[in-house]
Amino acid sequence: MNSTSQPESKAPARRSRWRWLKISVLVLLLAAGLAGAWCRWVWVQVDRYAAIDEAAPADAIVVFGAAEYDGRPSPVFRARLEHARTLYVRGIAPLMVTLGGREDGDTHSEGEVGRDYLIGGGVPDGAIIAETHSRSTSESADRIAVIARANKLRRLVVVSDGTHMFRIHAICAAKGLNVLTSPRPRESSQPDTDAIWHEIVTYTLWKLHLD
C-alpha cells in the first residue's frame, strides 16, 4: 500500500510547484514588458525634447552647469554658455542665471565659471546671477525656484544638452516653474544612446523619489 500511495501523494505537490512556476514566469514577463514600454516612452520624450527649441521672450535665461577645468568651462559647458549668450544677444531675456556648485577638490564653482565666461563674452556683470551651490539637476531646480521668487521671474528659458531637456522640464514643472527649453546645438545628427539611457535611469529614479 505504501509503495503505491507515495507517488500519488507527491502529484499534487508537483502540480502546485508547476502552477507557481508558470505564475512567476508570467509575472516576470509582464514586468519586463512594462519596463520596456516605460523605457520606450521616456526615450521618445527625451528625443523629442532634444529636437525642439522653445526659446521665446522670457524673464531670464538659465544655463545648467557642466564640468569646469581650473576656472575654464569644459567644451560641453562652453557650448551651453555660447548658446545662452546667443539667446541673450537676440534679446530673448534681459537676465542670465548660471548654475552649478563645486565638485570635491575644485576651487571654482560651475556657476562662477559660467558667469566669468559670459562677462568675458560681453554680457554685463549686472545681467548675470551666479548660483554656486547646486550639485544635481534637482538641486539646481530648487535654486532656480528660489531665484525666480526673489526676482519675480515668471518665465524662464533653460539651456543645457538636448538629452537633458526632458528631465529638466519635468523637474522644474513639478516645482511650479514655467520654463521653455532651448538645447545647445547638437554636435551630431545621430542620437547619443549613452546619454539617453542615462536620462532614462535618472528620470526613473527621480519619479520614484530615489535620486
N, C-alpha and C. Protein backbone atom coordinates (compact mmCIF):
# COMPACT_ATOMS: atom_id res chain seq x y z
N MET A 1 0.82 -1.21 0.00
CA MET A 1 0.00 0.00 0.00
C MET A 1 0.86 1.26 0.00
N ASN A 2 1.87 1.28 0.82
CA ASN A 2 2.71 2.47 0.94
C ASN A 2 3.41 2.80 -0.37
N SER A 3 3.83 1.72 -1.10
CA SER A 3 4.59 1.96 -2.33
C SER A 3 3.73 2.57 -3.42
N THR A 4 2.43 2.34 -3.40
CA THR A 4 1.57 2.91 -4.44
C THR A 4 1.00 4.26 -4.05
N SER A 5 0.83 4.52 -2.76
CA SER A 5 0.24 5.80 -2.34
C SER A 5 1.26 6.92 -2.32
N GLN A 6 2.54 6.63 -2.22
CA GLN A 6 3.55 7.68 -2.11
C GLN A 6 3.63 8.53 -3.38
N PRO A 7 3.70 7.92 -4.59
CA PRO A 7 3.72 8.76 -5.79
C PRO A 7 2.46 9.60 -5.94
N GLU A 8 1.28 9.00 -5.54
CA GLU A 8 0.04 9.75 -5.65
C GLU A 8 0.05 10.97 -4.73
N SER A 9 0.66 10.87 -3.55
CA SER A 9 0.70 12.00 -2.62
C SER A 9 1.64 13.09 -3.10
N LYS A 10 2.62 12.72 -3.94
CA LYS A 10 3.54 13.74 -4.45
C LYS A 10 2.98 14.48 -5.65
N ALA A 11 2.00 13.91 -6.32
CA ALA A 11 1.46 14.53 -7.53
C ALA A 11 0.88 15.92 -7.28
N PRO A 12 0.04 16.13 -6.25
CA PRO A 12 -0.49 17.49 -6.01
C PRO A 12 0.62 18.50 -5.75
N ALA A 13 1.67 18.08 -5.03
CA ALA A 13 2.77 18.99 -4.75
C ALA A 13 3.48 19.41 -6.03
N ARG A 14 3.68 18.44 -6.95
CA ARG A 14 4.33 18.77 -8.22
C ARG A 14 3.46 19.71 -9.04
N ARG A 15 2.15 19.49 -9.05
CA ARG A 15 1.25 20.36 -9.80
C ARG A 15 1.26 21.78 -9.23
N SER A 16 1.31 21.86 -7.90
CA SER A 16 1.34 23.17 -7.24
C SER A 16 2.61 23.94 -7.60
N ARG A 17 3.75 23.21 -7.55
CA ARG A 17 5.01 23.87 -7.90
C ARG A 17 5.00 24.33 -9.35
N TRP A 18 4.47 23.52 -10.25
CA TRP A 18 4.40 23.88 -11.66
C TRP A 18 3.50 25.09 -11.88
N ARG A 19 2.37 25.13 -11.14
CA ARG A 19 1.46 26.27 -11.26
C ARG A 19 2.15 27.57 -10.81
N TRP A 20 2.86 27.53 -9.68
CA TRP A 20 3.55 28.73 -9.20
C TRP A 20 4.69 29.13 -10.12
N LEU A 21 5.33 28.14 -10.74
CA LEU A 21 6.38 28.46 -11.70
C LEU A 21 5.81 29.21 -12.90
N LYS A 22 4.65 28.74 -13.39
CA LYS A 22 4.02 29.41 -14.53
C LYS A 22 3.60 30.84 -14.14
N ILE A 23 3.05 30.99 -12.94
CA ILE A 23 2.64 32.32 -12.49
C ILE A 23 3.86 33.25 -12.38
N SER A 24 4.97 32.71 -11.85
CA SER A 24 6.18 33.52 -11.70
C SER A 24 6.71 33.97 -13.05
N VAL A 25 6.71 33.06 -14.01
CA VAL A 25 7.18 33.40 -15.35
C VAL A 25 6.29 34.47 -15.98
N LEU A 26 4.98 34.34 -15.81
CA LEU A 26 4.06 35.33 -16.36
C LEU A 26 4.26 36.70 -15.72
N VAL A 27 4.48 36.71 -14.41
CA VAL A 27 4.73 37.97 -13.71
C VAL A 27 6.02 38.62 -14.21
N LEU A 28 7.06 37.81 -14.36
CA LEU A 28 8.32 38.34 -14.86
C LEU A 28 8.19 38.88 -16.28
N LEU A 29 7.44 38.17 -17.13
CA LEU A 29 7.23 38.64 -18.49
C LEU A 29 6.44 39.94 -18.51
N LEU A 30 5.44 40.03 -17.65
CA LEU A 30 4.64 41.26 -17.56
C LEU A 30 5.50 42.42 -17.08
N ALA A 31 6.32 42.16 -16.05
CA ALA A 31 7.19 43.22 -15.53
C ALA A 31 8.18 43.68 -16.59
N ALA A 32 8.75 42.71 -17.33
CA ALA A 32 9.69 43.06 -18.38
C ALA A 32 9.01 43.88 -19.47
N GLY A 33 7.76 43.51 -19.81
CA GLY A 33 7.02 44.25 -20.82
C GLY A 33 6.73 45.67 -20.38
N LEU A 34 6.33 45.84 -19.12
CA LEU A 34 6.05 47.17 -18.60
C LEU A 34 7.31 48.02 -18.55
N ALA A 35 8.41 47.40 -18.11
CA ALA A 35 9.68 48.12 -18.06
C ALA A 35 10.12 48.55 -19.45
N GLY A 36 9.95 47.67 -20.42
CA GLY A 36 10.31 48.00 -21.79
C GLY A 36 9.45 49.13 -22.34
N ALA A 37 8.16 49.10 -22.05
CA ALA A 37 7.26 50.16 -22.51
C ALA A 37 7.61 51.49 -21.85
N TRP A 38 7.94 51.44 -20.56
CA TRP A 38 8.32 52.66 -19.84
C TRP A 38 9.60 53.25 -20.44
N CYS A 39 10.62 52.41 -20.66
CA CYS A 39 11.88 52.89 -21.23
C CYS A 39 11.65 53.48 -22.62
N ARG A 40 10.80 52.83 -23.40
CA ARG A 40 10.49 53.33 -24.73
C ARG A 40 9.82 54.69 -24.67
N TRP A 41 8.86 54.85 -23.74
CA TRP A 41 8.16 56.14 -23.61
C TRP A 41 9.13 57.24 -23.22
N VAL A 42 9.99 56.98 -22.22
CA VAL A 42 10.95 58.01 -21.79
C VAL A 42 11.92 58.33 -22.93
N TRP A 43 12.37 57.30 -23.63
CA TRP A 43 13.28 57.52 -24.76
C TRP A 43 12.66 58.49 -25.78
N VAL A 44 11.40 58.26 -26.12
CA VAL A 44 10.72 59.12 -27.09
C VAL A 44 10.64 60.55 -26.58
N GLN A 45 10.32 60.73 -25.29
CA GLN A 45 10.24 62.07 -24.72
C GLN A 45 11.59 62.77 -24.73
N VAL A 46 12.64 62.06 -24.34
CA VAL A 46 13.98 62.64 -24.33
C VAL A 46 14.37 63.07 -25.74
N ASP A 47 14.13 62.20 -26.70
CA ASP A 47 14.49 62.51 -28.09
C ASP A 47 13.67 63.67 -28.63
N ARG A 48 12.41 63.75 -28.24
CA ARG A 48 11.54 64.84 -28.73
C ARG A 48 11.99 66.18 -28.18
N TYR A 49 12.26 66.23 -26.87
CA TYR A 49 12.69 67.49 -26.28
C TYR A 49 14.06 67.93 -26.80
N ALA A 50 14.89 66.96 -27.14
CA ALA A 50 16.22 67.28 -27.67
C ALA A 50 16.15 67.93 -29.04
N ALA A 51 15.04 67.72 -29.75
CA ALA A 51 14.93 68.18 -31.14
C ALA A 51 14.19 69.50 -31.28
N ILE A 52 13.63 70.03 -30.20
CA ILE A 52 12.85 71.26 -30.32
C ILE A 52 13.49 72.39 -29.52
N ASP A 53 13.37 73.60 -30.04
CA ASP A 53 13.87 74.80 -29.37
C ASP A 53 12.68 75.72 -29.12
N GLU A 54 12.32 75.89 -27.86
CA GLU A 54 11.15 76.67 -27.50
C GLU A 54 11.49 78.12 -27.15
N ALA A 55 12.74 78.53 -27.37
CA ALA A 55 13.17 79.87 -26.95
C ALA A 55 12.21 80.95 -27.44
N ALA A 56 11.75 81.76 -26.48
CA ALA A 56 10.84 82.86 -26.77
C ALA A 56 11.06 83.90 -25.67
N PRO A 57 10.58 85.13 -25.88
CA PRO A 57 10.80 86.16 -24.85
C PRO A 57 10.44 85.68 -23.46
N ALA A 58 11.35 85.91 -22.53
CA ALA A 58 11.18 85.44 -21.15
C ALA A 58 11.84 86.42 -20.21
N ASP A 59 11.79 86.11 -18.92
CA ASP A 59 12.39 86.99 -17.91
C ASP A 59 13.86 86.69 -17.66
N ALA A 60 14.27 85.45 -17.93
CA ALA A 60 15.68 85.09 -17.71
C ALA A 60 16.05 83.87 -18.54
N ILE A 61 17.33 83.76 -18.84
CA ILE A 61 17.91 82.59 -19.48
C ILE A 61 18.73 81.85 -18.43
N VAL A 62 18.44 80.59 -18.22
CA VAL A 62 19.09 79.80 -17.17
C VAL A 62 19.98 78.75 -17.81
N VAL A 63 21.27 78.76 -17.43
CA VAL A 63 22.24 77.83 -18.01
C VAL A 63 22.62 76.78 -16.96
N PHE A 64 22.33 75.54 -17.25
CA PHE A 64 22.72 74.46 -16.34
C PHE A 64 24.21 74.19 -16.48
N GLY A 65 24.86 74.01 -15.33
CA GLY A 65 26.30 73.84 -15.31
C GLY A 65 26.77 72.51 -15.84
N ALA A 66 28.04 72.46 -16.14
CA ALA A 66 28.73 71.22 -16.55
C ALA A 66 30.17 71.35 -16.04
N ALA A 67 31.00 70.41 -16.39
CA ALA A 67 32.35 70.37 -15.84
C ALA A 67 33.14 71.64 -16.18
N GLU A 68 33.99 72.04 -15.23
CA GLU A 68 34.92 73.14 -15.47
C GLU A 68 36.32 72.66 -15.09
N TYR A 69 37.31 73.22 -15.78
CA TYR A 69 38.69 72.80 -15.56
C TYR A 69 39.51 73.99 -15.07
N ASP A 70 39.70 74.05 -13.76
CA ASP A 70 40.53 75.09 -13.15
C ASP A 70 40.11 76.49 -13.60
N GLY A 71 38.80 76.73 -13.56
CA GLY A 71 38.30 78.05 -13.89
C GLY A 71 37.89 78.24 -15.33
N ARG A 72 38.06 77.22 -16.15
CA ARG A 72 37.67 77.31 -17.56
C ARG A 72 36.56 76.31 -17.85
N PRO A 73 35.53 76.71 -18.58
CA PRO A 73 34.45 75.76 -18.86
C PRO A 73 34.91 74.65 -19.79
N SER A 74 34.42 73.45 -19.55
CA SER A 74 34.68 72.33 -20.45
C SER A 74 34.02 72.61 -21.79
N PRO A 75 34.39 71.88 -22.83
CA PRO A 75 33.74 72.10 -24.14
C PRO A 75 32.21 72.01 -24.08
N VAL A 76 31.71 71.07 -23.31
CA VAL A 76 30.25 70.95 -23.19
C VAL A 76 29.66 72.19 -22.52
N PHE A 77 30.27 72.62 -21.42
CA PHE A 77 29.77 73.80 -20.70
C PHE A 77 29.89 75.04 -21.59
N ARG A 78 31.02 75.16 -22.29
CA ARG A 78 31.21 76.31 -23.16
C ARG A 78 30.14 76.37 -24.25
N ALA A 79 29.78 75.21 -24.80
CA ALA A 79 28.74 75.18 -25.83
C ALA A 79 27.39 75.64 -25.26
N ARG A 80 27.09 75.25 -24.03
CA ARG A 80 25.85 75.72 -23.39
C ARG A 80 25.89 77.23 -23.19
N LEU A 81 27.01 77.72 -22.70
CA LEU A 81 27.14 79.16 -22.43
C LEU A 81 27.07 79.97 -23.72
N GLU A 82 27.69 79.48 -24.78
CA GLU A 82 27.65 80.20 -26.06
C GLU A 82 26.22 80.24 -26.60
N HIS A 83 25.51 79.15 -26.47
CA HIS A 83 24.12 79.14 -26.93
C HIS A 83 23.29 80.12 -26.11
N ALA A 84 23.50 80.13 -24.80
CA ALA A 84 22.76 81.06 -23.95
C ALA A 84 23.11 82.51 -24.28
N ARG A 85 24.38 82.77 -24.55
CA ARG A 85 24.79 84.14 -24.90
C ARG A 85 24.14 84.57 -26.22
N THR A 86 24.04 83.65 -27.17
CA THR A 86 23.37 83.96 -28.43
C THR A 86 21.91 84.35 -28.19
N LEU A 87 21.25 83.61 -27.29
CA LEU A 87 19.86 83.96 -26.95
C LEU A 87 19.78 85.33 -26.30
N TYR A 88 20.75 85.63 -25.44
CA TYR A 88 20.77 86.94 -24.77
C TYR A 88 20.95 88.06 -25.80
N VAL A 89 21.88 87.88 -26.74
CA VAL A 89 22.12 88.89 -27.78
C VAL A 89 20.88 89.07 -28.64
N ARG A 90 20.13 88.00 -28.85
CA ARG A 90 18.88 88.09 -29.62
C ARG A 90 17.79 88.84 -28.87
N GLY A 91 18.00 89.10 -27.60
CA GLY A 91 17.01 89.81 -26.81
C GLY A 91 15.94 88.92 -26.20
N ILE A 92 16.24 87.62 -26.07
CA ILE A 92 15.26 86.69 -25.50
C ILE A 92 14.93 87.05 -24.06
N ALA A 93 15.93 87.50 -23.31
CA ALA A 93 15.71 87.88 -21.91
C ALA A 93 16.80 88.85 -21.47
N PRO A 94 16.48 89.72 -20.49
CA PRO A 94 17.47 90.71 -20.04
C PRO A 94 18.39 90.20 -18.93
N LEU A 95 18.14 88.97 -18.46
CA LEU A 95 18.88 88.44 -17.32
C LEU A 95 19.35 87.02 -17.63
N MET A 96 20.53 86.67 -17.11
CA MET A 96 21.05 85.32 -17.27
C MET A 96 21.37 84.74 -15.89
N VAL A 97 21.15 83.44 -15.75
CA VAL A 97 21.44 82.74 -14.49
C VAL A 97 22.34 81.55 -14.82
N THR A 98 23.49 81.49 -14.18
CA THR A 98 24.39 80.35 -14.36
C THR A 98 24.32 79.48 -13.11
N LEU A 99 24.26 78.17 -13.33
CA LEU A 99 24.04 77.23 -12.23
C LEU A 99 25.24 76.31 -12.03
N GLY A 100 25.41 75.87 -10.80
CA GLY A 100 26.38 74.81 -10.53
C GLY A 100 27.35 75.12 -9.41
N GLY A 101 27.48 74.15 -8.51
CA GLY A 101 28.41 74.29 -7.40
C GLY A 101 29.77 73.70 -7.73
N ARG A 102 30.52 73.38 -6.69
CA ARG A 102 31.87 72.82 -6.85
C ARG A 102 31.84 71.32 -6.65
N GLU A 103 32.64 70.63 -7.46
CA GLU A 103 32.89 69.22 -7.21
C GLU A 103 33.97 69.11 -6.15
N ASP A 104 34.06 67.95 -5.51
CA ASP A 104 35.08 67.75 -4.48
C ASP A 104 36.47 68.01 -5.04
N GLY A 105 37.21 68.86 -4.34
CA GLY A 105 38.58 69.18 -4.75
C GLY A 105 38.69 70.37 -5.68
N ASP A 106 37.57 70.86 -6.22
CA ASP A 106 37.62 72.02 -7.11
C ASP A 106 37.77 73.32 -6.32
N THR A 107 38.37 74.30 -6.95
CA THR A 107 38.50 75.62 -6.34
C THR A 107 37.52 76.62 -6.95
N HIS A 108 36.85 76.23 -8.01
CA HIS A 108 35.88 77.10 -8.67
C HIS A 108 34.54 76.39 -8.78
N SER A 109 33.47 77.15 -8.69
CA SER A 109 32.15 76.58 -8.91
C SER A 109 31.77 76.75 -10.38
N GLU A 110 30.89 75.88 -10.84
CA GLU A 110 30.43 75.98 -12.23
C GLU A 110 29.68 77.29 -12.47
N GLY A 111 28.90 77.72 -11.48
CA GLY A 111 28.17 78.97 -11.63
C GLY A 111 29.10 80.16 -11.79
N GLU A 112 30.18 80.19 -11.01
CA GLU A 112 31.16 81.28 -11.12
C GLU A 112 31.87 81.25 -12.47
N VAL A 113 32.28 80.07 -12.88
CA VAL A 113 32.98 79.94 -14.16
C VAL A 113 32.07 80.37 -15.31
N GLY A 114 30.81 79.96 -15.24
CA GLY A 114 29.87 80.38 -16.28
C GLY A 114 29.68 81.88 -16.31
N ARG A 115 29.56 82.49 -15.15
CA ARG A 115 29.41 83.96 -15.09
C ARG A 115 30.64 84.65 -15.69
N ASP A 116 31.83 84.22 -15.28
CA ASP A 116 33.05 84.86 -15.77
C ASP A 116 33.19 84.71 -17.28
N TYR A 117 32.81 83.54 -17.79
CA TYR A 117 32.90 83.31 -19.23
C TYR A 117 31.95 84.25 -19.97
N LEU A 118 30.74 84.40 -19.47
CA LEU A 118 29.77 85.28 -20.13
C LEU A 118 30.21 86.74 -20.07
N ILE A 119 30.77 87.15 -18.95
CA ILE A 119 31.28 88.52 -18.85
C ILE A 119 32.40 88.74 -19.87
N GLY A 120 33.27 87.73 -19.99
CA GLY A 120 34.33 87.82 -21.00
C GLY A 120 33.78 87.88 -22.41
N GLY A 121 32.56 87.38 -22.62
CA GLY A 121 31.93 87.41 -23.93
C GLY A 121 31.08 88.64 -24.16
N GLY A 122 31.12 89.59 -23.22
CA GLY A 122 30.43 90.85 -23.43
C GLY A 122 29.11 91.03 -22.70
N VAL A 123 28.70 90.04 -21.89
CA VAL A 123 27.45 90.18 -21.12
C VAL A 123 27.76 91.00 -19.87
N PRO A 124 27.00 92.06 -19.59
CA PRO A 124 27.28 92.87 -18.40
C PRO A 124 27.16 92.07 -17.11
N ASP A 125 28.03 92.37 -16.16
CA ASP A 125 28.02 91.69 -14.87
C ASP A 125 26.66 91.81 -14.20
N GLY A 126 26.04 92.97 -14.33
CA GLY A 126 24.75 93.20 -13.69
C GLY A 126 23.61 92.41 -14.29
N ALA A 127 23.85 91.77 -15.43
CA ALA A 127 22.80 91.00 -16.09
C ALA A 127 22.94 89.50 -15.81
N ILE A 128 23.81 89.15 -14.85
CA ILE A 128 24.07 87.73 -14.57
C ILE A 128 23.91 87.45 -13.08
N ILE A 129 23.21 86.38 -12.76
CA ILE A 129 23.15 85.85 -11.40
C ILE A 129 23.84 84.50 -11.41
N ALA A 130 24.84 84.33 -10.55
CA ALA A 130 25.56 83.06 -10.47
C ALA A 130 25.10 82.29 -9.25
N GLU A 131 24.53 81.12 -9.48
CA GLU A 131 24.16 80.20 -8.39
C GLU A 131 25.30 79.22 -8.24
N THR A 132 25.83 79.06 -7.03
CA THR A 132 27.11 78.36 -6.87
C THR A 132 27.08 77.19 -5.89
N HIS A 133 25.91 76.62 -5.63
CA HIS A 133 25.84 75.56 -4.63
C HIS A 133 25.24 74.24 -5.13
N SER A 134 24.41 74.28 -6.15
CA SER A 134 23.71 73.06 -6.58
C SER A 134 24.69 72.07 -7.21
N ARG A 135 24.39 70.76 -6.97
CA ARG A 135 25.26 69.71 -7.50
C ARG A 135 24.48 68.62 -8.23
N SER A 136 23.22 68.88 -8.51
CA SER A 136 22.41 67.95 -9.27
C SER A 136 21.29 68.73 -9.96
N THR A 137 20.62 68.08 -10.89
CA THR A 137 19.52 68.75 -11.58
C THR A 137 18.41 69.14 -10.62
N SER A 138 18.08 68.27 -9.68
CA SER A 138 17.03 68.58 -8.70
C SER A 138 17.43 69.76 -7.82
N GLU A 139 18.68 69.77 -7.36
CA GLU A 139 19.15 70.89 -6.56
C GLU A 139 19.14 72.19 -7.36
N SER A 140 19.54 72.10 -8.62
CA SER A 140 19.52 73.29 -9.48
C SER A 140 18.10 73.83 -9.62
N ALA A 141 17.13 72.93 -9.80
CA ALA A 141 15.74 73.37 -9.92
C ALA A 141 15.26 74.04 -8.63
N ASP A 142 15.68 73.51 -7.49
CA ASP A 142 15.34 74.15 -6.21
C ASP A 142 15.89 75.57 -6.15
N ARG A 143 17.14 75.73 -6.57
CA ARG A 143 17.78 77.06 -6.54
C ARG A 143 17.11 78.01 -7.53
N ILE A 144 16.73 77.48 -8.69
CA ILE A 144 16.03 78.32 -9.67
C ILE A 144 14.74 78.84 -9.08
N ALA A 145 14.01 77.97 -8.38
CA ALA A 145 12.74 78.39 -7.78
C ALA A 145 12.95 79.53 -6.79
N VAL A 146 14.00 79.44 -5.99
CA VAL A 146 14.30 80.50 -5.03
C VAL A 146 14.65 81.79 -5.75
N ILE A 147 15.52 81.70 -6.76
CA ILE A 147 15.93 82.88 -7.52
C ILE A 147 14.73 83.50 -8.23
N ALA A 148 13.88 82.67 -8.81
CA ALA A 148 12.71 83.18 -9.53
C ALA A 148 11.78 83.94 -8.59
N ARG A 149 11.54 83.39 -7.41
CA ARG A 149 10.67 84.08 -6.45
C ARG A 149 11.28 85.40 -6.00
N ALA A 150 12.57 85.38 -5.71
CA ALA A 150 13.24 86.59 -5.19
C ALA A 150 13.28 87.70 -6.24
N ASN A 151 13.34 87.33 -7.51
CA ASN A 151 13.48 88.33 -8.57
C ASN A 151 12.22 88.49 -9.42
N LYS A 152 11.14 87.85 -8.97
CA LYS A 152 9.86 87.94 -9.67
C LYS A 152 9.99 87.53 -11.15
N LEU A 153 10.63 86.40 -11.37
CA LEU A 153 10.80 85.88 -12.71
C LEU A 153 9.67 84.88 -13.00
N ARG A 154 8.87 85.18 -13.99
CA ARG A 154 7.69 84.36 -14.25
C ARG A 154 7.92 83.30 -15.34
N ARG A 155 8.75 83.62 -16.32
CA ARG A 155 9.01 82.66 -17.39
C ARG A 155 10.51 82.59 -17.65
N LEU A 156 11.02 81.36 -17.80
CA LEU A 156 12.45 81.15 -17.94
C LEU A 156 12.73 80.30 -19.19
N VAL A 157 13.84 80.59 -19.83
CA VAL A 157 14.35 79.74 -20.90
C VAL A 157 15.55 78.98 -20.33
N VAL A 158 15.48 77.68 -20.32
CA VAL A 158 16.56 76.87 -19.75
C VAL A 158 17.42 76.28 -20.87
N VAL A 159 18.74 76.30 -20.63
CA VAL A 159 19.70 75.84 -21.63
C VAL A 159 20.53 74.70 -21.04
N SER A 160 20.65 73.63 -21.79
CA SER A 160 21.50 72.51 -21.42
C SER A 160 21.69 71.65 -22.66
N ASP A 161 22.18 70.43 -22.48
CA ASP A 161 22.26 69.49 -23.59
C ASP A 161 20.86 69.01 -23.97
N GLY A 162 20.69 68.64 -25.22
CA GLY A 162 19.37 68.23 -25.68
C GLY A 162 18.79 67.07 -24.91
N THR A 163 19.61 66.06 -24.62
CA THR A 163 19.10 64.88 -23.91
C THR A 163 18.71 65.19 -22.47
N HIS A 164 19.17 66.30 -21.96
CA HIS A 164 18.90 66.69 -20.57
C HIS A 164 17.55 67.41 -20.44
N MET A 165 17.01 67.88 -21.55
CA MET A 165 15.90 68.81 -21.52
C MET A 165 14.60 68.24 -20.96
N PHE A 166 14.27 67.01 -21.32
CA PHE A 166 13.02 66.44 -20.82
C PHE A 166 13.02 66.36 -19.31
N ARG A 167 14.10 65.90 -18.72
CA ARG A 167 14.17 65.77 -17.26
C ARG A 167 14.15 67.15 -16.60
N ILE A 168 14.88 68.10 -17.15
CA ILE A 168 14.86 69.45 -16.61
C ILE A 168 13.44 70.00 -16.61
N HIS A 169 12.77 69.87 -17.74
CA HIS A 169 11.41 70.41 -17.85
C HIS A 169 10.48 69.76 -16.83
N ALA A 170 10.58 68.44 -16.68
CA ALA A 170 9.70 67.73 -15.75
C ALA A 170 9.96 68.16 -14.31
N ILE A 171 11.22 68.26 -13.92
CA ILE A 171 11.56 68.63 -12.54
C ILE A 171 11.16 70.07 -12.25
N CYS A 172 11.45 70.97 -13.18
CA CYS A 172 11.10 72.37 -12.99
C CYS A 172 9.57 72.54 -12.92
N ALA A 173 8.85 71.85 -13.79
CA ALA A 173 7.39 71.94 -13.76
C ALA A 173 6.84 71.43 -12.44
N ALA A 174 7.45 70.38 -11.90
CA ALA A 174 7.00 69.84 -10.61
C ALA A 174 7.19 70.84 -9.48
N LYS A 175 8.12 71.78 -9.66
CA LYS A 175 8.37 72.79 -8.65
C LYS A 175 7.63 74.10 -8.94
N GLY A 176 6.72 74.03 -9.91
CA GLY A 176 5.88 75.18 -10.22
C GLY A 176 6.52 76.23 -11.11
N LEU A 177 7.61 75.88 -11.78
CA LEU A 177 8.30 76.83 -12.64
C LEU A 177 7.78 76.75 -14.07
N ASN A 178 7.66 77.91 -14.70
CA ASN A 178 7.25 77.99 -16.10
C ASN A 178 8.52 78.10 -16.95
N VAL A 179 8.90 77.00 -17.59
CA VAL A 179 10.16 77.00 -18.33
C VAL A 179 9.95 76.62 -19.79
N LEU A 180 10.76 77.22 -20.64
CA LEU A 180 10.86 76.85 -22.05
C LEU A 180 12.24 76.25 -22.24
N THR A 181 12.34 75.20 -23.03
CA THR A 181 13.62 74.53 -23.21
C THR A 181 14.30 74.98 -24.51
N SER A 182 15.62 75.16 -24.42
CA SER A 182 16.40 75.55 -25.59
C SER A 182 17.74 74.82 -25.54
N PRO A 183 17.83 73.65 -26.18
CA PRO A 183 19.07 72.87 -26.11
C PRO A 183 20.19 73.51 -26.93
N ARG A 184 21.40 73.30 -26.45
CA ARG A 184 22.56 73.75 -27.24
C ARG A 184 22.59 72.95 -28.55
N PRO A 185 23.20 73.50 -29.59
CA PRO A 185 23.24 72.79 -30.87
C PRO A 185 23.88 71.41 -30.75
N ARG A 186 23.34 70.44 -31.47
CA ARG A 186 23.88 69.10 -31.46
C ARG A 186 25.21 69.05 -32.21
N GLU A 187 26.12 68.22 -31.73
CA GLU A 187 27.39 68.02 -32.42
C GLU A 187 27.24 66.99 -33.53
N SER A 188 26.21 66.16 -33.45
CA SER A 188 25.99 65.12 -34.44
C SER A 188 24.50 64.91 -34.62
N SER A 189 24.13 64.49 -35.81
CA SER A 189 22.71 64.21 -36.06
C SER A 189 22.29 62.86 -35.49
N GLN A 190 23.27 62.04 -35.10
CA GLN A 190 22.97 60.73 -34.53
C GLN A 190 22.61 60.86 -33.04
N PRO A 191 21.63 60.11 -32.57
CA PRO A 191 21.26 60.18 -31.16
C PRO A 191 22.40 59.68 -30.27
N ASP A 192 22.57 60.34 -29.13
CA ASP A 192 23.57 59.92 -28.15
C ASP A 192 22.94 58.85 -27.26
N THR A 193 23.15 57.60 -27.64
CA THR A 193 22.48 56.49 -26.96
C THR A 193 22.84 56.43 -25.47
N ASP A 194 24.11 56.59 -25.16
CA ASP A 194 24.54 56.53 -23.75
C ASP A 194 23.86 57.62 -22.93
N ALA A 195 23.80 58.83 -23.49
CA ALA A 195 23.17 59.94 -22.77
C ALA A 195 21.68 59.70 -22.57
N ILE A 196 21.02 59.13 -23.57
CA ILE A 196 19.59 58.86 -23.45
C ILE A 196 19.33 57.80 -22.38
N TRP A 197 20.13 56.73 -22.36
CA TRP A 197 19.96 55.73 -21.31
C TRP A 197 20.24 56.32 -19.93
N HIS A 198 21.20 57.21 -19.84
CA HIS A 198 21.45 57.89 -18.57
C HIS A 198 20.20 58.66 -18.12
N GLU A 199 19.57 59.34 -19.07
CA GLU A 199 18.37 60.10 -18.73
C GLU A 199 17.21 59.18 -18.36
N ILE A 200 17.09 58.04 -19.02
CA ILE A 200 16.03 57.09 -18.66
C ILE A 200 16.20 56.65 -17.20
N VAL A 201 17.42 56.32 -16.83
CA VAL A 201 17.69 55.86 -15.46
C VAL A 201 17.45 56.99 -14.45
N THR A 202 18.03 58.17 -14.70
CA THR A 202 17.93 59.25 -13.73
C THR A 202 16.50 59.79 -13.63
N TYR A 203 15.78 59.84 -14.75
CA TYR A 203 14.39 60.28 -14.70
C TYR A 203 13.54 59.28 -13.91
N THR A 204 13.78 58.00 -14.13
CA THR A 204 13.04 56.97 -13.41
C THR A 204 13.31 57.05 -11.92
N LEU A 205 14.57 57.23 -11.54
CA LEU A 205 14.93 57.36 -10.12
C LEU A 205 14.25 58.59 -9.51
N TRP A 206 14.19 59.69 -10.28
CA TRP A 206 13.52 60.88 -9.78
C TRP A 206 12.02 60.63 -9.58
N LYS A 207 11.39 59.96 -10.53
CA LYS A 207 9.96 59.66 -10.40
C LYS A 207 9.68 58.76 -9.20
N LEU A 208 10.65 57.89 -8.88
CA LEU A 208 10.50 57.00 -7.74
C LEU A 208 11.00 57.63 -6.44
N HIS A 209 11.38 58.92 -6.53
CA HIS A 209 11.90 59.64 -5.36
C HIS A 209 13.14 58.97 -4.78
N LEU A 210 14.00 58.47 -5.69
CA LEU A 210 15.20 57.78 -5.25
C LEU A 210 16.47 58.55 -5.64
N ASP A 211 16.32 59.71 -6.28
CA ASP A 211 17.52 60.45 -6.70
C ASP A 211 18.07 61.26 -5.53
